[in-house]
Amino acid sequence: LESLNDKRSGVVQMVKLAEKEKDNLE
């Protein structure tokens, strides 16, 4: 369960970063 939560938070961070980069491109 703990490793799963770590994966989730990691994915959330990646998504946030991707959205930030998308905003910078526009």
PDB file of N, CA and C in Angstrom:
ATOM      1  N   LEU A   1       0.838  -1.207   0.000  1.00  0.00           N
ATOM      2  CA  LEU A   1       0.000   0.000   0.000  1.00  0.00           C
ATOM      3  C   LEU A   1       0.870   1.254   0.000  1.00  0.00           C
ATOM      4  N   GLU A   2       1.919   1.255   0.820  1.00  0.00           N
ATOM      5  CA  GLU A   2       2.762   2.461   0.882  1.00  0.00           C
ATOM      6  C   GLU A   2       3.401   2.749  -0.468  1.00  0.00           C
ATOM      7  N   SER A   3       3.961   1.712  -1.091  1.00  0.00           N
ATOM      8  CA  SER A   3       4.618   1.931  -2.395  1.00  0.00           C
ATOM      9  C   SER A   3       3.585   2.426  -3.410  1.00  0.00           C
ATOM     10  N   LEU A   4       2.359   1.962  -3.289  1.00  0.00           N
ATOM     11  CA  LEU A   4       1.326   2.402  -4.227  1.00  0.00           C
ATOM     12  C   LEU A   4       1.058   3.891  -4.036  1.00  0.00           C
ATOM     13  N   ASN A   5       1.010   4.329  -2.781  1.00  0.00           N
ATOM     14  CA  ASN A   5       0.790   5.759  -2.516  1.00  0.00           C
ATOM     15  C   ASN A   5       1.951   6.574  -3.059  1.00  0.00           C
ATOM     16  N   ASP A   6       3.170   6.067  -2.911  1.00  0.00           N
ATOM     17  CA  ASP A   6       4.337   6.787  -3.437  1.00  0.00           C
ATOM     18  C   ASP A   6       4.200   6.934  -4.947  1.00  0.00           C
ATOM     19  N   LYS A   7       3.784   5.869  -5.598  1.00  0.00           N
ATOM     20  CA  LYS A   7       3.622   5.924  -7.067  1.00  0.00           C
ATOM     21  C   LYS A   7       2.590   6.983  -7.426  1.00  0.00           C
ATOM     22  N   ARG A   8       1.492   6.990  -6.680  1.00  0.00           N
ATOM     23  CA  ARG A   8       0.413   7.956  -6.967  1.00  0.00           C
ATOM     24  C   ARG A   8       0.923   9.381  -6.847  1.00  0.00           C
ATOM     25  N   SER A   9       1.584   9.698  -5.740  1.00  0.00           N
ATOM     26  CA  SER A   9       2.087  11.071  -5.553  1.00  0.00           C
ATOM     27  C   SER A   9       3.089  11.401  -6.650  1.00  0.00           C
ATOM     28  N   GLY A  10       3.883  10.424  -7.066  1.00  0.00           N
ATOM     29  CA  GLY A  10       4.860  10.663  -8.135  1.00  0.00           C
ATOM     30  C   GLY A  10       4.140  10.986  -9.433  1.00  0.00           C
ATOM     31  N   VAL A  11       3.083  10.251  -9.721  1.00  0.00           N
ATOM     32  CA  VAL A  11       2.326  10.496 -10.961  1.00  0.00           C
ATOM     33  C   VAL A  11       1.676  11.875 -10.898  1.00  0.00           C
ATOM     34  N   VAL A  12       1.138  12.214  -9.742  1.00  0.00           N
ATOM     35  CA  VAL A  12       0.491  13.531  -9.594  1.00  0.00           C
ATOM     36  C   VAL A  12       1.506  14.628  -9.864  1.00  0.00           C
ATOM     37  N   GLN A  13       2.715  14.466  -9.337  1.00  0.00           N
ATOM     38  CA  GLN A  13       3.760  15.479  -9.562  1.00  0.00           C
ATOM     39  C   GLN A  13       4.078  15.583 -11.045  1.00  0.00           C
ATOM     40  N   MET A  14       4.190  14.444 -11.709  1.00  0.00           N
ATOM     41  CA  MET A  14       4.514  14.449 -13.146  1.00  0.00           C
ATOM     42  C   MET A  14       3.409  15.160 -13.927  1.00  0.00           C
ATOM     43  N   VAL A  15       2.165  14.882 -13.578  1.00  0.00           N
ATOM     44  CA  VAL A  15       1.042  15.517 -14.288  1.00  0.00           C
ATOM     45  C   VAL A  15       1.087  17.025 -14.070  1.00  0.00           C
ATOM     46  N   LYS A  16       1.347  17.430 -12.823  1.00  0.00           N
ATOM     47  CA  LYS A  16       1.406  18.879 -12.547  1.00  0.00           C
ATOM     48  C   LYS A  16       2.517  19.513 -13.365  1.00  0.00           C
ATOM     49  N   LEU A  17       3.665  18.855 -13.426  1.00  0.00           N
ATOM     50  CA  LEU A  17       4.785  19.408 -14.199  1.00  0.00           C
ATOM     51  C   LEU A  17       4.408  19.488 -15.673  1.00  0.00           C
ATOM     52  N   ALA A  18       3.773  18.465 -16.193  1.00  0.00           N
ATOM     53  CA  ALA A  18       3.399  18.444 -17.610  1.00  0.00           C
ATOM     54  C   ALA A  18       2.428  19.593 -17.897  1.00  0.00           C
ATOM     55  N   GLU A  19       1.481  19.820 -17.007  1.00  0.00           N
ATOM     56  CA  GLU A  19       0.517  20.904 -17.241  1.00  0.00           C
ATOM     57  C   GLU A  19       1.236  22.244 -17.207  1.00  0.00           C
ATOM     58  N   LYS A  20       2.202  22.377 -16.297  1.00  0.00           N
ATOM     59  CA  LYS A  20       2.970  23.635 -16.212  1.00  0.00           C
ATOM     60  C   LYS A  20       3.692  23.867 -17.534  1.00  0.00           C
ATOM     61  N   GLU A  21       4.362  22.859 -18.047  1.00  0.00           N
ATOM     62  CA  GLU A  21       5.106  23.010 -19.307  1.00  0.00           C
ATOM     63  C   GLU A  21       4.147  23.351 -20.443  1.00  0.00           C
ATOM     64  N   LYS A  22       2.964  22.737 -20.424  1.00  0.00           N
ATOM     65  CA  LYS A  22       1.977  23.018 -21.471  1.00  0.00           C
ATOM     66  C   LYS A  22       1.594  24.491 -21.427  1.00  0.00           C
ATOM     67  N   ASP A  23       1.385  25.019 -20.225  1.00  0.00           N
ATOM     68  CA  ASP A  23       1.019  26.435 -20.098  1.00  0.00           C
ATOM     69  C   ASP A  23       2.154  27.310 -20.616  1.00  0.00           C
ATOM     70  N   ASN A  24       3.388  26.918 -20.360  1.00  0.00           N
ATOM     71  CA  ASN A  24       4.527  27.723 -20.809  1.00  0.00           C
ATOM     72  C   ASN A  24       4.607  27.739 -22.334  1.00  0.00           C
ATOM     73  N   LEU A  25       4.229  26.638 -22.971  1.00  0.00           N
ATOM     74  CA  LEU A  25       4.320  26.562 -24.434  1.00  0.00           C
ATOM     75  C   LEU A  25       3.283  27.470 -25.089  1.00  0.00           C
ATOM     76  N   GLU A  26       2.122  27.592 -24.466  1.00  0.00           N
ATOM     77  CA  GLU A  26       1.053  28.378 -25.097  1.00  0.00           C
ATOM     78  C   GLU A  26       1.301  29.874 -24.993  1.00  0.00           C
TER      79      GLU A  26
END
